[in-house]
N, C-alpha and C. Protein backbone atom coordinates (compact mmCIF):
# COMPACT_ATOMS: atom_id res chain seq x y z
N MET A 1 -1.32 -29.78 -19.41
CA MET A 1 -1.56 -30.27 -18.23
C MET A 1 -2.03 -28.82 -17.40
N GLU A 2 -3.10 -28.84 -16.64
CA GLU A 2 -3.05 -27.50 -15.88
C GLU A 2 -3.25 -27.53 -14.53
N ILE A 3 -2.64 -27.19 -13.67
CA ILE A 3 -2.61 -27.06 -12.23
C ILE A 3 -3.23 -26.19 -11.80
N LYS A 4 -4.11 -26.33 -11.10
CA LYS A 4 -5.10 -25.17 -10.50
C LYS A 4 -4.95 -25.43 -8.65
N ASN A 5 -5.15 -23.94 -8.25
CA ASN A 5 -5.09 -23.87 -6.62
C ASN A 5 -3.85 -24.23 -6.12
N ILE A 6 -2.64 -24.09 -6.40
CA ILE A 6 -1.55 -24.35 -5.38
C ILE A 6 -1.50 -23.26 -4.62
N SER A 7 -1.74 -23.49 -3.37
CA SER A 7 -1.83 -22.80 -2.09
C SER A 7 -0.64 -21.66 -2.06
N GLY A 8 0.64 -22.40 -2.05
CA GLY A 8 1.96 -21.69 -2.07
C GLY A 8 2.37 -20.75 -3.23
N ILE A 9 1.94 -20.92 -4.24
CA ILE A 9 2.04 -19.91 -5.35
C ILE A 9 1.00 -18.67 -5.20
N LEU A 10 -0.28 -19.25 -4.93
CA LEU A 10 -0.82 -18.19 -4.58
C LEU A 10 -0.63 -16.99 -3.45
N ASN A 11 -0.17 -18.00 -2.32
CA ASN A 11 0.49 -17.02 -1.34
C ASN A 11 1.91 -16.08 -1.57
N VAL A 12 2.58 -16.41 -2.59
CA VAL A 12 3.47 -15.73 -3.05
C VAL A 12 3.10 -14.33 -3.89
N TYR A 13 2.09 -14.45 -4.60
CA TYR A 13 1.42 -13.48 -5.28
C TYR A 13 1.02 -12.41 -4.23
N SER A 14 0.44 -12.94 -2.92
CA SER A 14 -0.29 -12.41 -2.10
C SER A 14 0.61 -11.53 -1.35
N LYS A 15 1.76 -12.38 -1.13
CA LYS A 15 2.90 -11.40 -0.18
C LYS A 15 3.36 -10.36 -1.02
N ALA A 16 3.74 -10.95 -2.36
CA ALA A 16 4.11 -9.79 -3.28
C ALA A 16 3.46 -8.48 -3.61
N LYS A 17 2.11 -8.67 -3.34
CA LYS A 17 1.18 -7.64 -3.45
C LYS A 17 1.30 -6.81 -2.36
N ALA A 18 1.35 -7.39 -1.39
CA ALA A 18 1.56 -6.60 -0.20
C ALA A 18 2.48 -5.78 0.23
N SER A 19 3.60 -6.49 0.07
CA SER A 19 4.84 -5.87 0.30
C SER A 19 5.31 -4.62 -0.58
N SER A 20 4.87 -4.78 -2.22
CA SER A 20 5.29 -3.99 -3.08
C SER A 20 4.31 -2.63 -3.14
N GLY A 21 3.19 -3.05 -2.81
CA GLY A 21 2.15 -1.75 -2.89
C GLY A 21 1.81 -1.91 -4.50
N LYS A 22 2.18 -2.49 -5.07
CA LYS A 22 1.66 -2.27 -6.48
C LYS A 22 0.55 -3.92 -6.51
N ALA A 23 -0.04 -4.05 -7.65
CA ALA A 23 -0.78 -5.02 -7.73
C ALA A 23 -0.29 -6.09 -8.65
N VAL A 24 -0.10 -7.10 -7.85
CA VAL A 24 0.55 -8.28 -8.82
C VAL A 24 -0.51 -9.30 -9.25
N THR A 25 -0.32 -9.65 -10.64
CA THR A 25 -1.50 -10.36 -10.96
C THR A 25 -0.83 -11.75 -11.53
N ALA A 26 -1.49 -12.85 -11.49
CA ALA A 26 -0.93 -14.18 -11.94
C ALA A 26 -1.17 -14.09 -13.48
N PRO A 27 -0.05 -14.78 -14.18
CA PRO A 27 -0.08 -14.82 -15.35
C PRO A 27 -1.65 -15.31 -16.16
N THR A 28 -1.98 -14.55 -17.07
CA THR A 28 -3.20 -15.18 -17.67
C THR A 28 -3.16 -15.88 -18.77
N GLU A 29 -2.01 -16.10 -19.29
CA GLU A 29 -1.67 -16.93 -20.34
C GLU A 29 -1.65 -18.42 -19.86
N LYS A 30 -2.60 -19.49 -20.59
CA LYS A 30 -2.76 -20.66 -20.47
C LYS A 30 -1.81 -21.44 -21.08
N LYS A 31 -1.01 -22.24 -20.39
CA LYS A 31 0.21 -22.93 -20.71
C LYS A 31 -0.17 -24.34 -20.92
N THR A 32 0.08 -25.07 -21.74
CA THR A 32 -0.13 -26.37 -22.24
C THR A 32 0.65 -27.30 -22.63
N ASP A 33 0.87 -28.36 -22.39
CA ASP A 33 1.96 -29.47 -22.82
C ASP A 33 1.14 -30.08 -24.33
N LYS A 34 1.84 -30.12 -25.33
CA LYS A 34 1.32 -30.54 -26.79
C LYS A 34 2.32 -31.73 -27.20
N ILE A 35 1.57 -32.84 -27.61
CA ILE A 35 2.28 -33.91 -27.76
C ILE A 35 1.56 -34.31 -29.33
N GLU A 36 2.57 -34.40 -30.47
CA GLU A 36 2.04 -34.64 -31.54
C GLU A 36 2.18 -36.01 -32.32
N PHE A 37 1.35 -36.56 -32.68
CA PHE A 37 1.86 -37.90 -32.94
C PHE A 37 1.89 -38.08 -34.94
N ASP A 38 2.93 -38.74 -35.56
CA ASP A 38 3.12 -38.51 -36.72
C ASP A 38 2.56 -40.15 -36.96
N PHE A 39 1.30 -40.53 -37.63
CA PHE A 39 0.81 -41.86 -37.68
C PHE A 39 1.59 -42.50 -38.98
N ALA A 40 1.84 -41.92 -40.23
CA ALA A 40 2.35 -42.34 -41.03
C ALA A 40 3.80 -42.98 -40.81
N ARG A 41 4.68 -42.18 -39.81
CA ARG A 41 5.92 -42.61 -39.49
C ARG A 41 5.90 -43.74 -38.70
N SER A 42 4.85 -43.48 -37.65
CA SER A 42 4.54 -44.80 -36.65
C SER A 42 4.31 -46.17 -37.91
N VAL A 43 3.79 -46.12 -38.78
CA VAL A 43 3.25 -47.24 -39.27
C VAL A 43 4.20 -48.00 -40.09
N ASN A 44 5.18 -46.67 -40.85
CA ASN A 44 6.30 -47.07 -41.70
C ASN A 44 7.46 -47.96 -40.56
N ALA A 45 7.61 -47.47 -39.43
CA ALA A 45 8.30 -47.81 -38.46
C ALA A 45 7.95 -49.44 -38.23
N ALA A 46 6.57 -49.33 -37.67
CA ALA A 46 6.34 -51.03 -37.55
C ALA A 46 6.39 -51.87 -38.61
N LYS A 47 6.25 -51.70 -40.06
CA LYS A 47 6.31 -52.38 -41.17
C LYS A 47 7.82 -52.62 -41.05
N ALA A 48 8.75 -51.76 -40.77
CA ALA A 48 10.06 -51.76 -40.96
C ALA A 48 10.76 -52.84 -39.78
N ASP A 49 9.97 -52.95 -38.69
CA ASP A 49 10.18 -54.25 -37.67
C ASP A 49 9.71 -55.20 -37.82
N LEU A 50 8.56 -55.02 -38.58
CA LEU A 50 8.09 -56.61 -38.88
C LEU A 50 8.81 -57.27 -39.77
N SER A 51 9.16 -56.27 -41.00
CA SER A 51 9.92 -56.93 -42.14
C SER A 51 11.18 -57.59 -41.66
N ALA A 52 11.93 -56.69 -40.69
CA ALA A 52 13.35 -57.09 -40.24
C ALA A 52 13.26 -58.65 -39.14
N SER A 53 12.05 -58.65 -38.75
CA SER A 53 11.82 -59.96 -37.75
C SER A 53 11.46 -60.92 -38.77
N ILE A 54 10.73 -60.85 -40.04
CA ILE A 54 10.40 -61.98 -40.76
C ILE A 54 11.87 -62.34 -41.56
N ASN A 55 12.40 -61.30 -41.97
CA ASN A 55 13.67 -61.84 -42.70
C ASN A 55 14.51 -62.20 -41.96
N GLU A 56 14.56 -62.04 -40.61
CA GLU A 56 15.39 -62.83 -39.88
C GLU A 56 15.09 -64.50 -39.74
N SER A 57 13.97 -64.84 -39.45
CA SER A 57 13.38 -65.95 -39.48
C SER A 57 12.64 -66.73 -40.65
N ALA A 58 13.15 -66.09 -41.88
CA ALA A 58 12.70 -66.90 -42.93
C ALA A 58 13.55 -67.66 -43.57
N ASP A 59 12.95 -68.51 -44.24
CA ASP A 59 13.56 -69.53 -45.12
C ASP A 59 13.80 -69.86 -46.29
N ALA A 60 14.64 -69.26 -46.93
CA ALA A 60 14.79 -68.94 -48.34
C ALA A 60 14.28 -70.07 -49.54
N LYS A 61 14.32 -71.38 -48.95
CA LYS A 61 13.81 -72.49 -49.76
C LYS A 61 12.26 -72.38 -49.65
N GLN A 62 11.87 -72.35 -48.55
CA GLN A 62 10.45 -72.18 -48.45
C GLN A 62 9.79 -71.06 -48.97
N ILE A 63 10.31 -69.83 -48.95
CA ILE A 63 9.69 -68.67 -49.74
C ILE A 63 9.98 -68.87 -51.27
N ASP A 64 10.92 -69.51 -51.79
CA ASP A 64 11.08 -69.94 -52.98
C ASP A 64 9.69 -71.02 -53.64
N ARG A 65 9.60 -72.00 -52.76
CA ARG A 65 8.75 -72.97 -52.63
C ARG A 65 7.13 -72.31 -52.69
N LEU A 66 6.84 -71.45 -51.88
CA LEU A 66 5.62 -70.86 -51.94
C LEU A 66 5.37 -70.04 -52.99
N ARG A 67 6.29 -69.11 -53.32
CA ARG A 67 6.31 -68.04 -54.57
C ARG A 67 5.83 -68.69 -55.72
N ARG A 68 6.88 -70.05 -56.00
CA ARG A 68 6.31 -70.74 -57.17
C ARG A 68 4.72 -71.32 -57.40
N ALA A 69 4.53 -71.75 -56.03
CA ALA A 69 3.18 -72.35 -55.90
C ALA A 69 2.30 -71.34 -56.07
N VAL A 70 2.48 -69.99 -55.82
CA VAL A 70 1.48 -68.79 -56.09
C VAL A 70 1.32 -68.62 -57.45
N GLU A 71 2.78 -68.57 -58.06
CA GLU A 71 2.72 -68.00 -59.48
C GLU A 71 2.07 -69.16 -60.50
N ASP A 72 2.14 -70.43 -59.86
CA ASP A 72 1.51 -71.33 -60.99
C ASP A 72 0.12 -71.82 -60.76
N GLY A 73 -0.29 -71.30 -59.44
CA GLY A 73 -1.63 -71.46 -59.21
C GLY A 73 -1.97 -72.77 -58.32
N SER A 74 -0.98 -73.15 -57.86
CA SER A 74 -1.08 -74.69 -57.19
C SER A 74 -1.32 -74.12 -55.33
N TYR A 75 -1.10 -73.11 -55.30
CA TYR A 75 -1.15 -72.55 -53.92
C TYR A 75 -2.54 -72.53 -53.42
N TYR A 76 -3.11 -73.28 -52.37
CA TYR A 76 -4.18 -73.49 -51.61
C TYR A 76 -4.20 -73.24 -50.42
N VAL A 77 -5.49 -72.57 -49.72
CA VAL A 77 -5.25 -72.27 -48.28
C VAL A 77 -6.84 -72.76 -48.21
N SER A 78 -6.99 -73.41 -47.38
CA SER A 78 -8.63 -73.59 -46.90
C SER A 78 -9.42 -72.72 -45.97
N ALA A 79 -10.74 -72.53 -46.30
CA ALA A 79 -11.36 -71.82 -45.48
C ALA A 79 -11.26 -71.84 -44.04
N ASP A 80 -11.06 -73.49 -43.68
CA ASP A 80 -11.00 -73.66 -42.35
C ASP A 80 -9.28 -72.95 -41.79
N ASP A 81 -8.57 -73.11 -42.29
CA ASP A 81 -6.94 -72.60 -42.15
C ASP A 81 -7.18 -71.27 -41.68
N VAL A 82 -7.85 -70.52 -42.92
CA VAL A 82 -7.88 -68.87 -42.48
C VAL A 82 -8.71 -68.72 -41.56
N ALA A 83 -9.69 -69.22 -41.21
CA ALA A 83 -10.77 -69.19 -40.24
C ALA A 83 -9.96 -69.30 -38.62
N GLN A 84 -9.26 -70.49 -38.58
CA GLN A 84 -8.26 -70.48 -37.63
C GLN A 84 -7.21 -69.69 -37.40
N ALA A 85 -6.51 -69.09 -38.37
CA ALA A 85 -5.72 -67.80 -38.55
C ALA A 85 -6.32 -66.94 -37.81
N ILE A 86 -7.48 -66.41 -37.95
CA ILE A 86 -7.88 -65.21 -37.88
C ILE A 86 -8.34 -65.32 -36.01
N LEU A 87 -9.09 -66.70 -35.89
CA LEU A 87 -9.13 -66.74 -34.35
C LEU A 87 -8.05 -66.77 -33.54
N THR A 88 -7.07 -67.37 -33.92
CA THR A 88 -5.83 -67.37 -33.03
C THR A 88 -5.01 -66.16 -33.23
N PHE A 89 -5.26 -65.09 -33.74
CA PHE A 89 -4.46 -63.81 -34.02
C PHE A 89 -4.93 -62.90 -32.84
């Protein structure tokens, strides 16, 4: 963040210059704030949160039933169901 033209600070420099007889210059180094985001860590945290919420509401019997249906090939999802899930997301 850069802050420009603050009259109070500029006045302090002017007064210091006048009273000391020496030239006082404002710092020329540009100071900035820096924020770094670790995308991979954010994704992993989101996955962990999602996994925890799924595990809380999961029914072990239903999960086993679905797992068996997928394994034996009898699990079927219609295209309409997939489209509806996408539209309501």
